[in-house]
Amino acid sequence: MLAAISPDATTVAIAADGALYLYHAGGGGVNGFGVVHEGGITALCWDPTSRYFCTGGVDRRIRVWHNLTGLSALVELLRGRLTATRIATHRVRLQCLTRSSPVE
């Protein structure tokens, strides 16, 4: 079993029995990808921005993945801040980031 936490600490990638799983560290959600390499996964690595991660396998392939679990965690966090903020300029910026409708 291999495990690697993203640099922004929102997502944990776990490889077990050849299958890949991403766990949302804050919300507890799980995304499973099933078997992604023939013969098992031998390496997990995150890029510094936490947007992508790579897997390497016994099949001698490297695969690059988007971190959608971490992205959804970020959107959740920003929406929470949008609801909590009372400063108009912050509200406008957060609305642009989350692409949500105005929160009353």
N, C-alpha and C. Protein backbone atom coordinates (compact mmCIF):
# COMPACT_ATOMS: atom_id res chain seq x y z
N MET A 1 0.85 -1.17 0.00
CA MET A 1 0.00 0.00 0.00
C MET A 1 0.89 1.24 0.00
N LEU A 2 0.48 2.22 -0.80
CA LEU A 2 1.17 3.51 -0.87
C LEU A 2 0.18 4.61 -0.52
N ALA A 3 0.68 5.68 0.08
CA ALA A 3 -0.16 6.84 0.40
C ALA A 3 0.67 8.10 0.21
N ALA A 4 0.00 9.14 -0.28
CA ALA A 4 0.66 10.44 -0.46
C ALA A 4 -0.37 11.54 -0.22
N ILE A 5 -0.02 12.50 0.62
CA ILE A 5 -0.92 13.62 0.89
C ILE A 5 -0.54 14.80 -0.01
N SER A 6 -1.55 15.50 -0.50
CA SER A 6 -1.30 16.63 -1.40
C SER A 6 -0.60 17.75 -0.64
N PRO A 7 0.18 18.58 -1.34
CA PRO A 7 0.88 19.69 -0.69
C PRO A 7 -0.04 20.66 0.04
N ASP A 8 -1.28 20.83 -0.43
CA ASP A 8 -2.21 21.72 0.26
C ASP A 8 -3.00 21.00 1.35
N ALA A 9 -2.72 19.73 1.57
CA ALA A 9 -3.28 18.91 2.65
C ALA A 9 -4.80 18.73 2.56
N THR A 10 -5.36 18.79 1.36
CA THR A 10 -6.81 18.58 1.20
C THR A 10 -7.15 17.18 0.73
N THR A 11 -6.19 16.49 0.14
CA THR A 11 -6.47 15.20 -0.48
C THR A 11 -5.38 14.20 -0.16
N VAL A 12 -5.80 12.96 0.08
CA VAL A 12 -4.86 11.86 0.30
C VAL A 12 -5.08 10.84 -0.81
N ALA A 13 -4.01 10.51 -1.53
CA ALA A 13 -4.07 9.47 -2.56
C ALA A 13 -3.56 8.18 -1.95
N ILE A 14 -4.31 7.11 -2.14
CA ILE A 14 -3.92 5.81 -1.60
C ILE A 14 -4.01 4.77 -2.71
N ALA A 15 -2.95 4.01 -2.84
CA ALA A 15 -2.90 2.91 -3.80
C ALA A 15 -2.87 1.61 -3.00
N ALA A 16 -3.84 0.74 -3.26
CA ALA A 16 -3.91 -0.54 -2.57
C ALA A 16 -4.41 -1.61 -3.53
N ASP A 17 -3.70 -2.71 -3.60
CA ASP A 17 -4.09 -3.83 -4.47
C ASP A 17 -4.30 -3.40 -5.92
N GLY A 18 -3.49 -2.46 -6.38
CA GLY A 18 -3.56 -2.00 -7.77
C GLY A 18 -4.63 -0.95 -8.03
N ALA A 19 -5.47 -0.65 -7.05
CA ALA A 19 -6.52 0.35 -7.22
C ALA A 19 -6.09 1.68 -6.61
N LEU A 20 -6.66 2.74 -7.13
CA LEU A 20 -6.33 4.09 -6.67
C LEU A 20 -7.55 4.72 -6.03
N TYR A 21 -7.36 5.35 -4.87
CA TYR A 21 -8.44 6.02 -4.14
C TYR A 21 -7.98 7.40 -3.73
N LEU A 22 -8.87 8.38 -3.82
CA LEU A 22 -8.59 9.73 -3.33
C LEU A 22 -9.58 10.04 -2.22
N TYR A 23 -9.05 10.50 -1.09
CA TYR A 23 -9.87 10.84 0.06
C TYR A 23 -9.82 12.35 0.29
N HIS A 24 -10.97 12.95 0.47
CA HIS A 24 -11.07 14.37 0.82
C HIS A 24 -10.77 14.45 2.32
N ALA A 25 -9.65 15.07 2.67
CA ALA A 25 -9.20 15.09 4.06
C ALA A 25 -10.16 15.84 4.98
N GLY A 26 -10.84 16.87 4.50
CA GLY A 26 -11.74 17.63 5.34
C GLY A 26 -13.14 17.07 5.41
N GLY A 27 -13.66 16.65 4.27
CA GLY A 27 -15.05 16.21 4.20
C GLY A 27 -15.26 14.72 4.25
N GLY A 28 -14.19 13.95 4.07
CA GLY A 28 -14.30 12.51 4.17
C GLY A 28 -14.81 11.81 2.93
N GLY A 29 -15.02 12.52 1.84
CA GLY A 29 -15.49 11.89 0.60
C GLY A 29 -14.41 11.02 -0.02
N VAL A 30 -14.84 10.00 -0.76
CA VAL A 30 -13.91 9.06 -1.39
C VAL A 30 -14.22 8.97 -2.88
N ASN A 31 -13.18 9.05 -3.70
CA ASN A 31 -13.29 8.78 -5.13
C ASN A 31 -12.40 7.59 -5.44
N GLY A 32 -12.98 6.55 -5.99
CA GLY A 32 -12.21 5.37 -6.36
C GLY A 32 -12.07 5.27 -7.86
N PHE A 33 -10.89 4.92 -8.32
CA PHE A 33 -10.63 4.81 -9.76
C PHE A 33 -10.48 3.37 -10.21
N GLY A 34 -10.53 2.44 -9.28
CA GLY A 34 -10.34 1.03 -9.64
C GLY A 34 -8.90 0.75 -9.99
N VAL A 35 -8.66 -0.33 -10.71
CA VAL A 35 -7.30 -0.71 -11.10
C VAL A 35 -6.86 0.20 -12.24
N VAL A 36 -5.75 0.91 -12.04
CA VAL A 36 -5.29 1.89 -13.03
C VAL A 36 -3.98 1.48 -13.69
N HIS A 37 -3.30 0.47 -13.16
CA HIS A 37 -2.07 -0.05 -13.75
C HIS A 37 -2.12 -1.57 -13.70
N GLU A 38 -1.68 -2.20 -14.76
CA GLU A 38 -1.58 -3.66 -14.76
C GLU A 38 -0.43 -4.07 -13.85
N GLY A 39 -0.69 -4.91 -12.89
CA GLY A 39 0.36 -5.38 -12.00
C GLY A 39 0.53 -4.56 -10.75
N GLY A 40 -0.19 -3.48 -10.60
CA GLY A 40 -0.11 -2.68 -9.38
C GLY A 40 0.57 -1.35 -9.55
N ILE A 41 0.39 -0.50 -8.54
CA ILE A 41 0.96 0.86 -8.51
C ILE A 41 2.23 0.82 -7.67
N THR A 42 3.29 1.40 -8.19
CA THR A 42 4.57 1.41 -7.47
C THR A 42 4.99 2.80 -7.01
N ALA A 43 4.32 3.85 -7.49
CA ALA A 43 4.71 5.21 -7.10
C ALA A 43 3.52 6.16 -7.16
N LEU A 44 3.47 7.09 -6.22
CA LEU A 44 2.50 8.20 -6.19
C LEU A 44 3.28 9.48 -5.98
N CYS A 45 2.91 10.53 -6.71
CA CYS A 45 3.63 11.80 -6.57
C CYS A 45 2.68 12.95 -6.89
N TRP A 46 2.71 14.00 -6.09
CA TRP A 46 1.90 15.20 -6.30
C TRP A 46 2.74 16.30 -6.94
N ASP A 47 2.11 17.15 -7.75
CA ASP A 47 2.81 18.35 -8.21
C ASP A 47 2.69 19.41 -7.10
N PRO A 48 3.55 20.40 -7.08
CA PRO A 48 3.56 21.39 -5.99
C PRO A 48 2.27 22.18 -5.82
N THR A 49 1.45 22.29 -6.87
CA THR A 49 0.22 23.07 -6.78
C THR A 49 -0.97 22.25 -6.29
N SER A 50 -0.81 20.96 -6.16
CA SER A 50 -1.87 20.01 -5.76
C SER A 50 -2.95 19.84 -6.82
N ARG A 51 -2.73 20.35 -8.02
CA ARG A 51 -3.72 20.20 -9.09
C ARG A 51 -3.63 18.84 -9.77
N TYR A 52 -2.45 18.28 -9.81
CA TYR A 52 -2.23 17.01 -10.51
C TYR A 52 -1.46 16.06 -9.61
N PHE A 53 -1.61 14.77 -9.88
CA PHE A 53 -0.74 13.78 -9.26
C PHE A 53 -0.44 12.71 -10.29
N CYS A 54 0.63 12.00 -10.07
CA CYS A 54 1.09 10.97 -11.01
C CYS A 54 1.11 9.62 -10.31
N THR A 55 0.86 8.59 -11.09
CA THR A 55 1.03 7.22 -10.62
C THR A 55 1.99 6.52 -11.56
N GLY A 56 2.78 5.65 -11.00
CA GLY A 56 3.67 4.80 -11.78
C GLY A 56 3.35 3.37 -11.43
N GLY A 57 3.49 2.48 -12.41
CA GLY A 57 3.10 1.11 -12.14
C GLY A 57 4.09 0.08 -12.62
N VAL A 58 3.80 -1.16 -12.27
CA VAL A 58 4.60 -2.29 -12.69
C VAL A 58 4.58 -2.39 -14.22
N ASP A 59 3.52 -1.89 -14.85
CA ASP A 59 3.40 -1.92 -16.31
C ASP A 59 4.33 -0.91 -16.99
N ARG A 60 5.16 -0.22 -16.20
CA ARG A 60 6.16 0.73 -16.69
C ARG A 60 5.53 1.95 -17.37
N ARG A 61 4.34 2.32 -16.90
CA ARG A 61 3.66 3.51 -17.40
C ARG A 61 3.53 4.54 -16.30
N ILE A 62 3.51 5.78 -16.71
CA ILE A 62 3.25 6.89 -15.78
C ILE A 62 1.96 7.55 -16.24
N ARG A 63 1.06 7.75 -15.29
CA ARG A 63 -0.21 8.40 -15.61
C ARG A 63 -0.34 9.67 -14.79
N VAL A 64 -0.84 10.71 -15.44
CA VAL A 64 -1.05 12.00 -14.79
C VAL A 64 -2.56 12.19 -14.62
N TRP A 65 -2.96 12.58 -13.41
CA TRP A 65 -4.37 12.70 -13.06
C TRP A 65 -4.67 14.11 -12.57
N HIS A 66 -5.89 14.58 -12.84
CA HIS A 66 -6.37 15.83 -12.26
C HIS A 66 -6.89 15.54 -10.86
N ASN A 67 -6.64 16.44 -9.94
CA ASN A 67 -7.10 16.28 -8.57
C ASN A 67 -8.48 16.92 -8.41
N LEU A 68 -9.51 16.27 -8.93
CA LEU A 68 -10.87 16.81 -8.84
C LEU A 68 -11.40 16.76 -7.41
N THR A 69 -10.94 15.80 -6.62
CA THR A 69 -11.35 15.72 -5.22
C THR A 69 -10.87 16.97 -4.48
N GLY A 70 -9.62 17.36 -4.69
CA GLY A 70 -9.09 18.57 -4.06
C GLY A 70 -9.74 19.83 -4.57
N LEU A 71 -10.08 19.85 -5.85
CA LEU A 71 -10.74 21.01 -6.43
C LEU A 71 -12.13 21.20 -5.82
N SER A 72 -12.87 20.13 -5.65
CA SER A 72 -14.19 20.26 -5.04
C SER A 72 -14.07 20.69 -3.58
N ALA A 73 -13.01 20.25 -2.89
CA ALA A 73 -12.78 20.68 -1.51
C ALA A 73 -12.50 22.18 -1.46
N LEU A 74 -11.73 22.68 -2.42
CA LEU A 74 -11.43 24.11 -2.48
C LEU A 74 -12.68 24.92 -2.73
N VAL A 75 -13.53 24.48 -3.64
CA VAL A 75 -14.78 25.19 -3.93
C VAL A 75 -15.66 25.22 -2.69
N GLU A 76 -15.74 24.09 -1.97
CA GLU A 76 -16.51 24.04 -0.72
C GLU A 76 -15.99 25.07 0.29
N LEU A 77 -14.68 25.13 0.44
CA LEU A 77 -14.06 26.07 1.37
C LEU A 77 -14.38 27.50 0.98
N LEU A 78 -14.24 27.83 -0.31
CA LEU A 78 -14.51 29.20 -0.77
C LEU A 78 -15.98 29.57 -0.61
N ARG A 79 -16.88 28.64 -0.85
CA ARG A 79 -18.30 28.93 -0.66
C ARG A 79 -18.61 29.20 0.81
N GLY A 80 -17.95 28.48 1.71
CA GLY A 80 -18.11 28.74 3.14
C GLY A 80 -17.63 30.13 3.50
N ARG A 81 -16.51 30.53 2.93
CA ARG A 81 -15.99 31.87 3.19
C ARG A 81 -16.89 32.94 2.60
N LEU A 82 -17.47 32.65 1.42
CA LEU A 82 -18.38 33.59 0.78
C LEU A 82 -19.59 33.85 1.67
N THR A 83 -20.12 32.82 2.27
CA THR A 83 -21.27 32.94 3.16
C THR A 83 -20.91 33.75 4.41
N ALA A 84 -19.68 33.58 4.89
CA ALA A 84 -19.27 34.20 6.15
C ALA A 84 -18.79 35.65 6.00
N THR A 85 -18.33 36.04 4.82
CA THR A 85 -17.73 37.37 4.69
C THR A 85 -18.78 38.48 4.65
N ARG A 86 -18.40 39.61 5.23
CA ARG A 86 -19.28 40.79 5.22
C ARG A 86 -18.65 41.93 4.43
N ILE A 87 -17.45 41.72 3.94
CA ILE A 87 -16.75 42.77 3.19
C ILE A 87 -17.08 42.61 1.71
N ALA A 88 -17.63 43.66 1.12
CA ALA A 88 -18.15 43.60 -0.25
C ALA A 88 -17.08 43.19 -1.27
N THR A 89 -15.87 43.74 -1.16
CA THR A 89 -14.83 43.41 -2.14
C THR A 89 -14.42 41.94 -2.03
N HIS A 90 -14.38 41.41 -0.81
CA HIS A 90 -14.07 39.99 -0.63
C HIS A 90 -15.18 39.13 -1.23
N ARG A 91 -16.42 39.55 -1.02
CA ARG A 91 -17.57 38.81 -1.54
C ARG A 91 -17.50 38.71 -3.07
N VAL A 92 -17.17 39.81 -3.73
CA VAL A 92 -17.09 39.82 -5.20
C VAL A 92 -15.99 38.87 -5.67
N ARG A 93 -14.83 38.92 -5.03
CA ARG A 93 -13.73 38.04 -5.42
C ARG A 93 -14.09 36.58 -5.22
N LEU A 94 -14.69 36.25 -4.09
CA LEU A 94 -15.06 34.87 -3.82
C LEU A 94 -16.15 34.39 -4.77
N GLN A 95 -17.07 35.27 -5.15
CA GLN A 95 -18.10 34.88 -6.11
C GLN A 95 -17.47 34.55 -7.46
N CYS A 96 -16.46 35.31 -7.85
CA CYS A 96 -15.77 35.01 -9.11
C CYS A 96 -15.06 33.66 -9.03
N LEU A 97 -14.46 33.37 -7.90
CA LEU A 97 -13.73 32.10 -7.75
C LEU A 97 -14.65 30.89 -7.72
N THR A 98 -15.80 31.03 -7.09
CA THR A 98 -16.71 29.89 -6.97
C THR A 98 -17.76 29.88 -8.07
N ARG A 99 -17.86 30.97 -8.84
CA ARG A 99 -18.85 31.09 -9.91
C ARG A 99 -20.26 30.81 -9.41
N SER A 100 -20.52 31.30 -8.21
CA SER A 100 -21.85 31.07 -7.62
C SER A 100 -22.69 32.33 -7.70
N SER A 101 -23.95 32.16 -7.46
CA SER A 101 -24.84 33.31 -7.41
C SER A 101 -24.62 34.06 -6.10
N PRO A 102 -24.99 35.33 -6.03
CA PRO A 102 -24.78 36.08 -4.80
C PRO A 102 -25.48 35.44 -3.60
N VAL A 103 -24.79 35.50 -2.47
CA VAL A 103 -25.35 34.94 -1.23
C VAL A 103 -25.87 36.08 -0.40
N GLU A 104 -27.09 35.97 0.03
CA GLU A 104 -27.70 37.04 0.85
C GLU A 104 -27.36 36.82 2.31
